[in-house]
Amino acid sequence: MFFRDVIGQAEVKRSLIRQYAEGRVPHALMFSGPAGCGKLPVALAFAQYLLCEHPGADDACGHCRSCMMMANRMEHPDLHFAFPVVKRGGGTVRCDDFLRQWNDFVTRQPYFTFQSWLDEIKAGNSQAVIYGNESDEIIRKLSFKSAMGGYKVLVIWLPEKMNDTCANKLLKLIEEPQGKTCIIMVTEDKPSVLGTVRSRAQDIVFKGIADEDLTAVLERNYGLQHDQAANVALSSGGSFVRCLKTIEVDSDTGFCFDMFVRLMRLAYARDVREMKAWSETMAEIGREKQKAFFDYALRMVRENFVYNFHIDSILGMDDREKKFATRFAPFINERNAISIVQKMSEAASNIEGNVNAKMVFFDFALKMIVEIAVKGARRD
């Protein structure tokens, strides 16, 4: 992973390169910030930069032995990883048991969510943790001399998932690693990281990716037209992961739009019989598509609420959605917007938790009768 492959985050990249040039690379770093903003890609790019035998002014060389090893699924003897895993059967489990799967997964798409990783390793209902015995593995690996004569780098993805045994055993190593060692911790929930771990690392705070950077990538790499790319970027909240999800949802946008419109019309008409049929249809489409529907529905509620303020510059709807909003937006107002979002989020969470989909969608549909046909219709 090169710095040039990281979307945006120019300020963070400049800061890390400047620290290297000035010979003051911290022994431990804590990357924190909003999900999907590129913390792990920056960690991978900085790892390659530190391991590169001939780093340039703004990126790794790409030609030395170390860079060639990194290009081969990040299989470098001085690069180590720790990340949440699940137990399979009895006995102990180590990150190395999942390392090939991790390397392949991260190489394919370094922007991803925790849930995506759980799906990749087929975690099911198992809790993913960085177990206590992983600390012994880490200490053992970092006690050796550098195989290539330079830095040793450890990337800990989601240190908040370390159990207390693992975190406490690593305190001394994080505070005083041997030789030229850099430990990069990438967190999605910094307050949940053990305080004594946080205090031993230099905090690097990330911001969301700038809309213009996201727009450029979506145009260049995903073939979106400028206006479409700009709308996707605007609705992402600075998260490239959300952009990817939106693009994926867009392939089924017609379906999501039709089902959303149908539900809201049925709610207004209080047609319970047809709502039941709607629920049965939604229950049959598969969990990923169900989750995509709720993502789309949440966006539509937000956009229709904003539509009432008549500020076109902050809207992210296409022409068909805007046409529907002319009639539907008045039903999404200060009386019910928050409540609708809460009920959608609750239903989405139930789908994520494998609750019976037919029950989830029918219950949700009935609640929309109250929100749309009652609250939405009563306006001062």
Protein backbone atom coordinates (compact mmCIF):
# COMPACT_ATOMS: atom_id res chain seq x y z
CA MET A 1 0.00 0.00 0.00
CA PHE A 2 1.43 3.34 -1.06
CA PHE A 3 0.56 6.78 0.29
CA ARG A 4 -0.60 7.64 -3.22
CA ASP A 5 -3.23 4.89 -2.96
CA VAL A 6 -4.75 6.47 0.15
CA ILE A 7 -7.77 8.65 -0.57
CA GLY A 8 -7.21 12.16 0.75
CA GLN A 9 -5.74 12.56 4.26
CA ALA A 10 -2.92 14.72 2.86
CA GLU A 11 -2.30 16.42 6.20
CA VAL A 12 -1.82 13.14 8.07
CA LYS A 13 0.44 11.75 5.35
CA ARG A 14 2.63 14.87 5.38
CA SER A 15 2.90 14.72 9.17
CA LEU A 16 4.03 11.08 9.18
CA ILE A 17 6.57 11.61 6.41
CA ARG A 18 7.91 14.71 8.18
CA GLN A 19 8.38 12.74 11.40
CA TYR A 20 10.33 10.11 9.50
CA ALA A 21 12.50 12.72 7.74
CA GLU A 22 13.29 14.38 11.07
CA GLY A 23 14.18 11.06 12.69
CA ARG A 24 11.44 11.19 15.31
CA VAL A 25 9.09 8.36 14.40
CA PRO A 26 7.14 7.51 17.58
CA HIS A 27 7.49 3.99 18.96
CA ALA A 28 3.71 3.78 19.25
CA LEU A 29 0.94 5.54 17.33
CA MET A 30 -2.82 5.54 17.86
CA PHE A 31 -4.82 6.27 14.69
CA SER A 32 -8.32 7.42 15.62
CA GLY A 33 -11.17 9.06 13.77
CA PRO A 34 -14.46 8.32 12.02
CA ALA A 35 -15.08 4.95 10.42
CA GLY A 36 -14.25 4.63 6.74
CA CYS A 37 -11.86 7.60 6.64
CA GLY A 38 -8.79 5.52 5.74
CA LYS A 39 -6.97 4.94 9.03
CA LEU A 40 -5.93 1.38 8.17
CA PRO A 41 -4.83 2.27 4.60
CA VAL A 42 -2.64 5.04 6.05
CA ALA A 43 -1.22 2.57 8.58
CA LEU A 44 -0.37 0.12 5.78
CA ALA A 45 1.15 2.87 3.65
CA PHE A 46 3.25 4.16 6.56
CA ALA A 47 4.35 0.60 7.33
CA GLN A 48 5.54 0.18 3.75
CA TYR A 49 7.28 3.55 3.91
CA LEU A 50 9.11 2.61 7.10
CA LEU A 51 10.14 -0.77 5.68
CA CYS A 52 11.18 0.61 2.27
CA GLU A 53 14.93 0.48 1.63
CA HIS A 54 14.91 3.66 -0.47
CA PRO A 55 11.95 5.81 0.61
CA GLY A 56 11.34 8.93 -1.44
CA ALA A 57 10.25 12.38 -0.38
CA ASP A 58 6.58 11.46 -0.39
CA ASP A 59 6.25 7.68 -0.81
CA ALA A 60 7.93 4.29 -0.76
CA CYS A 61 10.10 3.52 -3.78
CA GLY A 62 8.09 0.53 -5.00
CA HIS A 63 11.17 -1.26 -6.39
CA CYS A 64 13.29 -2.47 -3.47
CA ARG A 65 13.07 -5.97 -1.94
CA SER A 66 10.86 -4.74 0.88
CA CYS A 67 8.39 -3.05 -1.46
CA MET A 68 8.24 -6.15 -3.63
CA MET A 69 7.47 -8.24 -0.54
CA MET A 70 4.73 -5.82 0.46
CA ALA A 71 3.27 -6.07 -3.04
CA ASN A 72 3.04 -9.84 -2.54
CA ARG A 73 0.07 -9.74 -0.15
CA MET A 74 2.08 -7.82 2.46
CA GLU A 75 4.22 -10.88 3.21
CA HIS A 76 7.18 -9.08 4.79
CA PRO A 77 9.16 -10.67 7.65
CA ASP A 78 9.29 -7.39 9.59
CA LEU A 79 5.59 -6.56 9.28
CA HIS A 80 3.28 -8.10 11.86
CA PHE A 81 -0.45 -7.86 12.47
CA ALA A 82 -2.86 -8.33 15.34
CA PHE A 83 -6.61 -8.22 14.73
CA PRO A 84 -9.82 -9.67 16.19
CA VAL A 85 -10.39 -13.37 15.51
CA VAL A 86 -12.84 -16.05 16.62
CA LYS A 87 -12.24 -19.46 18.10
CA ARG A 88 -12.83 -22.47 15.88
CA GLY A 89 -13.30 -25.51 18.02
CA GLY A 90 -11.24 -26.05 21.15
CA GLY A 91 -7.74 -24.89 22.01
CA THR A 92 -6.04 -21.55 21.59
CA VAL A 93 -6.35 -19.30 18.57
CA ARG A 94 -3.81 -16.90 17.12
CA CYS A 95 -3.98 -14.16 14.51
CA ASP A 96 -1.47 -16.15 12.47
CA ASP A 97 -4.18 -18.80 12.02
CA PHE A 98 -6.08 -16.19 9.99
CA LEU A 99 -3.10 -14.32 8.55
CA ARG A 100 -3.33 -15.53 4.95
CA GLN A 101 -7.05 -14.77 4.94
CA TRP A 102 -6.38 -11.34 6.47
CA ASN A 103 -3.67 -10.48 3.94
CA ASP A 104 -5.85 -11.49 1.00
CA PHE A 105 -8.84 -9.60 2.41
CA VAL A 106 -6.97 -6.36 3.13
CA THR A 107 -5.13 -6.48 -0.19
CA ARG A 108 -8.42 -6.75 -2.10
CA GLN A 109 -10.00 -3.75 -0.39
CA PRO A 110 -8.25 -1.93 2.47
CA TYR A 111 -11.39 0.13 3.18
CA PHE A 112 -13.83 -2.10 5.05
CA THR A 113 -15.90 -2.45 8.21
CA PHE A 114 -15.57 -4.70 11.22
CA GLN A 115 -18.71 -6.50 10.09
CA SER A 116 -17.13 -7.16 6.68
CA TRP A 117 -14.21 -8.86 8.41
CA LEU A 118 -16.59 -10.93 10.56
CA ASP A 119 -18.41 -12.01 7.41
CA GLU A 120 -15.09 -12.87 5.76
CA ILE A 121 -14.09 -15.24 8.58
CA LYS A 122 -17.66 -16.54 8.95
CA ALA A 123 -17.78 -15.49 12.59
CA GLY A 124 -21.53 -15.99 12.86
CA ASN A 125 -22.60 -15.15 16.40
CA SER A 126 -19.09 -15.68 17.83
CA GLN A 127 -17.42 -12.70 19.45
CA ALA A 128 -14.23 -11.59 17.71
CA VAL A 129 -11.43 -10.77 20.16
CA ILE A 130 -7.67 -10.31 20.28
CA TYR A 131 -7.02 -13.00 22.86
CA GLY A 132 -4.58 -12.98 25.74
CA ASN A 133 -2.17 -15.46 24.18
CA GLU A 134 -1.68 -13.07 21.23
CA SER A 135 0.43 -10.85 23.46
CA ASP A 136 2.97 -13.65 23.87
CA GLU A 137 3.13 -14.05 20.08
CA ILE A 138 3.64 -10.32 19.59
CA ILE A 139 6.35 -10.08 22.25
CA ARG A 140 8.14 -13.08 20.75
CA LYS A 141 8.03 -11.70 17.19
CA LEU A 142 9.23 -8.23 18.13
CA SER A 143 12.05 -9.58 20.32
CA PHE A 144 13.92 -10.76 17.20
CA LYS A 145 16.21 -8.52 15.21
CA SER A 146 14.86 -7.01 12.03
CA ALA A 147 15.14 -9.56 9.22
CA MET A 148 15.85 -6.81 6.67
CA GLY A 149 17.99 -4.63 8.93
CA GLY A 150 15.52 -1.76 9.25
CA TYR A 151 12.27 -1.15 11.09
CA LYS A 152 9.96 -3.73 12.61
CA VAL A 153 6.31 -2.70 12.33
CA LEU A 154 3.30 -4.03 14.21
CA VAL A 155 -0.19 -2.98 13.10
CA ILE A 156 -2.89 -3.64 15.70
CA TRP A 157 -6.29 -3.26 14.09
CA LEU A 158 -9.01 -2.46 16.65
CA PRO A 159 -6.99 -2.45 19.90
CA GLU A 160 -10.30 -1.96 21.71
CA LYS A 161 -10.93 -5.64 20.94
CA MET A 162 -7.89 -6.75 22.97
CA ASN A 163 -8.98 -8.50 26.14
CA ASP A 164 -7.50 -7.16 29.37
CA THR A 165 -4.90 -9.92 29.59
CA CYS A 166 -3.53 -9.13 26.16
CA ALA A 167 -3.59 -5.35 26.67
CA ASN A 168 -1.86 -5.46 30.05
CA LYS A 169 0.87 -7.82 28.85
CA LEU A 170 1.69 -5.45 25.98
CA LEU A 171 2.07 -2.31 28.12
CA LYS A 172 5.83 -2.58 28.58
CA LEU A 173 6.39 -3.42 24.91
CA ILE A 174 4.27 -0.47 23.77
CA GLU A 175 6.15 1.87 26.10
CA GLU A 176 9.67 0.59 25.38
CA PRO A 177 9.88 -1.60 22.26
CA GLN A 178 13.26 -3.02 21.32
CA GLY A 179 15.27 -1.50 18.48
CA LYS A 180 13.66 0.36 15.59
CA THR A 181 10.09 -0.72 16.24
CA CYS A 182 6.90 1.13 15.39
CA ILE A 183 3.55 -0.06 16.75
CA ILE A 184 0.56 1.39 14.90
CA MET A 185 -2.83 0.94 16.55
CA VAL A 186 -5.93 1.63 14.45
CA THR A 187 -9.06 2.18 16.52
CA GLU A 188 -12.72 2.76 15.74
CA ASP A 189 -13.55 3.37 19.41
CA LYS A 190 -10.68 5.09 21.21
CA PRO A 191 -12.48 5.52 24.57
CA SER A 192 -12.82 1.73 24.78
CA VAL A 193 -9.07 1.18 24.43
CA LEU A 194 -7.42 0.50 27.80
CA GLY A 195 -6.37 3.87 29.22
CA THR A 196 -2.83 2.74 30.00
CA VAL A 197 -2.46 1.67 26.36
CA ARG A 198 -3.79 5.00 25.04
CA SER A 199 -1.44 6.98 27.25
CA ARG A 200 1.62 5.23 25.79
CA ALA A 201 0.88 6.10 22.15
CA GLN A 202 0.97 9.32 20.18
CA ASP A 203 -2.55 10.10 19.01
CA ILE A 204 -3.05 10.84 15.31
CA VAL A 205 -6.59 12.11 14.79
CA PHE A 206 -8.15 11.65 11.35
CA LYS A 207 -10.95 13.69 9.83
CA GLY A 208 -13.49 12.42 7.33
CA ILE A 209 -12.28 12.32 3.74
CA ALA A 210 -12.95 15.57 1.87
CA ASP A 211 -15.86 15.44 -0.58
CA GLU A 212 -13.67 16.54 -3.48
CA ASP A 213 -11.22 13.69 -2.85
CA LEU A 214 -14.03 11.15 -2.74
CA THR A 215 -15.64 12.62 -5.84
CA ALA A 216 -12.40 12.38 -7.81
CA VAL A 217 -11.89 8.71 -6.87
CA LEU A 218 -15.47 7.78 -7.68
CA GLU A 219 -15.17 9.41 -11.11
CA ARG A 220 -11.75 7.95 -11.87
CA ASN A 221 -12.08 4.43 -10.48
CA TYR A 222 -15.80 3.70 -10.55
CA GLY A 223 -16.94 5.44 -13.72
CA LEU A 224 -19.49 7.72 -12.05
CA GLN A 225 -20.44 10.98 -13.72
CA HIS A 226 -19.35 14.08 -11.82
CA ASP A 227 -22.78 15.02 -10.44
CA GLN A 228 -23.52 11.45 -9.39
CA ALA A 229 -20.08 11.09 -7.78
CA ALA A 230 -20.50 14.39 -5.95
CA ASN A 231 -23.90 13.31 -4.59
CA VAL A 232 -22.48 10.00 -3.36
CA ALA A 233 -19.55 11.80 -1.72
CA LEU A 234 -21.82 14.37 -0.09
CA SER A 235 -24.04 11.69 1.45
CA SER A 236 -21.09 9.60 2.72
CA GLY A 237 -20.09 11.80 5.65
CA GLY A 238 -16.41 11.51 4.66
CA SER A 239 -16.44 7.69 4.61
CA PHE A 240 -15.22 5.82 1.55
CA VAL A 241 -16.80 2.66 2.97
CA ARG A 242 -20.18 4.40 2.81
CA CYS A 243 -19.43 5.45 -0.76
CA LEU A 244 -18.77 1.83 -1.69
CA LYS A 245 -21.97 0.76 0.03
CA THR A 246 -23.93 3.46 -1.77
CA ILE A 247 -22.54 2.34 -5.12
CA GLU A 248 -23.50 -1.22 -4.28
CA VAL A 249 -26.95 -0.11 -3.21
CA ASP A 250 -27.29 2.00 -6.35
CA SER A 251 -27.19 -1.17 -8.41
CA ASP A 252 -30.45 -2.04 -6.64
CA THR A 253 -31.67 1.51 -6.16
CA GLY A 254 -34.66 0.94 -8.38
CA PHE A 255 -35.81 -1.91 -6.18
CA CYS A 256 -35.14 -0.02 -2.94
CA PHE A 257 -36.91 3.07 -4.25
CA ASP A 258 -39.97 1.12 -5.38
CA MET A 259 -40.23 -0.76 -2.08
CA PHE A 260 -39.77 2.42 -0.04
CA VAL A 261 -42.43 4.28 -2.00
CA ARG A 262 -44.78 1.31 -1.79
CA LEU A 263 -44.37 1.05 1.98
CA MET A 264 -44.98 4.74 2.60
CA ARG A 265 -48.09 4.74 0.42
CA LEU A 266 -49.41 1.66 2.20
CA ALA A 267 -48.70 3.29 5.56
CA TYR A 268 -50.64 6.37 4.54
CA ALA A 269 -53.53 4.20 3.31
CA ARG A 270 -53.31 1.97 6.42
CA ASP A 271 -53.54 -1.07 4.15
CA VAL A 272 -52.47 -3.82 6.55
CA ARG A 273 -53.23 -6.67 4.15
CA GLU A 274 -50.88 -5.27 1.50
CA MET A 275 -48.30 -4.44 4.18
CA LYS A 276 -48.20 -8.10 5.08
CA ALA A 277 -47.55 -8.96 1.42
CA TRP A 278 -44.86 -6.26 1.31
CA SER A 279 -43.23 -7.77 4.42
CA GLU A 280 -43.22 -11.24 2.88
CA THR A 281 -41.53 -9.91 -0.24
CA MET A 282 -38.84 -8.14 1.81
CA ALA A 283 -38.27 -11.28 3.90
CA GLU A 284 -37.32 -13.24 0.79
CA ILE A 285 -34.64 -10.96 -0.70
CA GLY A 286 -31.69 -11.95 1.50
CA ARG A 287 -30.02 -10.26 4.45
CA GLU A 288 -27.53 -8.08 2.55
CA LYS A 289 -30.26 -6.66 0.36
CA GLN A 290 -32.45 -6.13 3.42
CA LYS A 291 -29.67 -4.18 5.10
CA ALA A 292 -29.18 -2.19 1.90
CA PHE A 293 -32.88 -1.30 1.93
CA PHE A 294 -32.66 0.18 5.41
CA ASP A 295 -29.55 2.15 4.47
CA TYR A 296 -31.49 3.54 1.52
CA ALA A 297 -34.61 4.21 3.60
CA LEU A 298 -32.61 6.12 6.22
CA ARG A 299 -31.10 8.26 3.49
CA MET A 300 -34.52 8.97 2.00
CA VAL A 301 -35.91 10.07 5.36
CA ARG A 302 -32.97 12.40 5.87
CA GLU A 303 -33.20 13.81 2.34
CA ASN A 304 -36.96 14.36 2.55
CA PHE A 305 -36.60 16.14 5.88
CA VAL A 306 -33.96 18.44 4.37
CA TYR A 307 -36.11 18.92 1.24
CA ASN A 308 -38.59 20.89 3.34
CA PHE A 309 -35.99 23.63 3.81
CA HIS A 310 -35.65 24.18 0.03
CA ILE A 311 -31.84 24.23 -0.01
CA ASP A 312 -31.04 22.32 -3.18
CA SER A 313 -27.27 22.55 -2.69
CA ILE A 314 -27.33 20.07 0.21
CA LEU A 315 -29.71 17.56 -1.36
CA GLY A 316 -28.44 14.20 -2.62
CA MET A 317 -31.48 12.91 -4.49
CA ASP A 318 -31.82 12.02 -8.16
CA ASP A 319 -34.67 13.35 -10.31
CA ARG A 320 -37.02 10.46 -9.56
CA GLU A 321 -36.46 10.79 -5.80
CA LYS A 322 -36.98 14.56 -5.97
CA LYS A 323 -40.26 14.09 -7.83
CA PHE A 324 -41.47 11.75 -5.08
CA ALA A 325 -40.25 14.19 -2.42
CA THR A 326 -42.53 16.94 -3.71
CA ARG A 327 -45.46 14.92 -2.35
CA PHE A 328 -43.79 12.92 0.43
CA ALA A 329 -41.47 15.43 2.15
CA PRO A 330 -44.28 17.18 4.10
CA PHE A 331 -44.88 13.91 5.93
CA ILE A 332 -41.28 13.91 7.29
CA ASN A 333 -41.03 16.74 9.75
CA GLU A 334 -39.82 17.76 13.18
CA ARG A 335 -42.64 15.75 14.78
CA ASN A 336 -41.61 12.35 13.48
CA ALA A 337 -38.22 12.39 11.74
CA ILE A 338 -36.19 11.26 14.75
CA SER A 339 -38.74 8.61 15.71
CA ILE A 340 -38.79 7.18 12.17
CA VAL A 341 -34.99 7.02 12.07
CA GLN A 342 -34.95 5.25 15.43
CA LYS A 343 -37.46 2.64 14.28
CA MET A 344 -35.58 2.07 11.02
CA SER A 345 -32.31 1.68 12.91
CA GLU A 346 -33.93 -0.75 15.34
CA ALA A 347 -35.32 -2.84 12.49
CA ALA A 348 -31.96 -2.83 10.70
CA SER A 349 -30.28 -3.95 13.93
CA ASN A 350 -32.75 -6.81 14.26
CA ILE A 351 -32.02 -7.91 10.70
CA GLU A 352 -28.31 -7.79 11.52
CA GLY A 353 -29.04 -9.97 14.54
CA ASN A 354 -30.82 -12.60 12.44
CA VAL A 355 -34.25 -11.94 13.94
CA ASN A 356 -37.06 -13.43 11.83
CA ALA A 357 -37.16 -11.08 8.81
CA LYS A 358 -40.88 -11.45 8.13
CA MET A 359 -41.69 -10.38 11.70
CA VAL A 360 -39.18 -7.51 11.60
CA PHE A 361 -40.55 -6.04 8.37
CA PHE A 362 -44.22 -6.44 9.27
CA ASP A 363 -43.67 -4.87 12.69
CA PHE A 364 -41.72 -2.03 11.08
CA ALA A 365 -44.43 -1.51 8.44
CA LEU A 366 -47.15 -1.26 11.10
CA LYS A 367 -45.13 1.31 13.02
CA MET A 368 -44.92 3.42 9.88
CA ILE A 369 -48.72 3.71 9.91
CA VAL A 370 -48.47 5.62 13.17
CA GLU A 371 -45.50 7.71 12.02
CA ILE A 372 -46.76 8.64 8.56
CA ALA A 373 -50.54 8.41 8.67
CA VAL A 374 -50.92 9.98 12.11
CA LYS A 375 -47.94 12.13 13.07
CA GLY A 376 -47.09 13.05 9.53
CA ALA A 377 -50.64 14.11 8.71
CA ARG A 378 -51.03 16.36 11.75
CA ARG A 379 -49.27 19.57 10.95
CA ASP A 380 -49.71 22.92 12.65
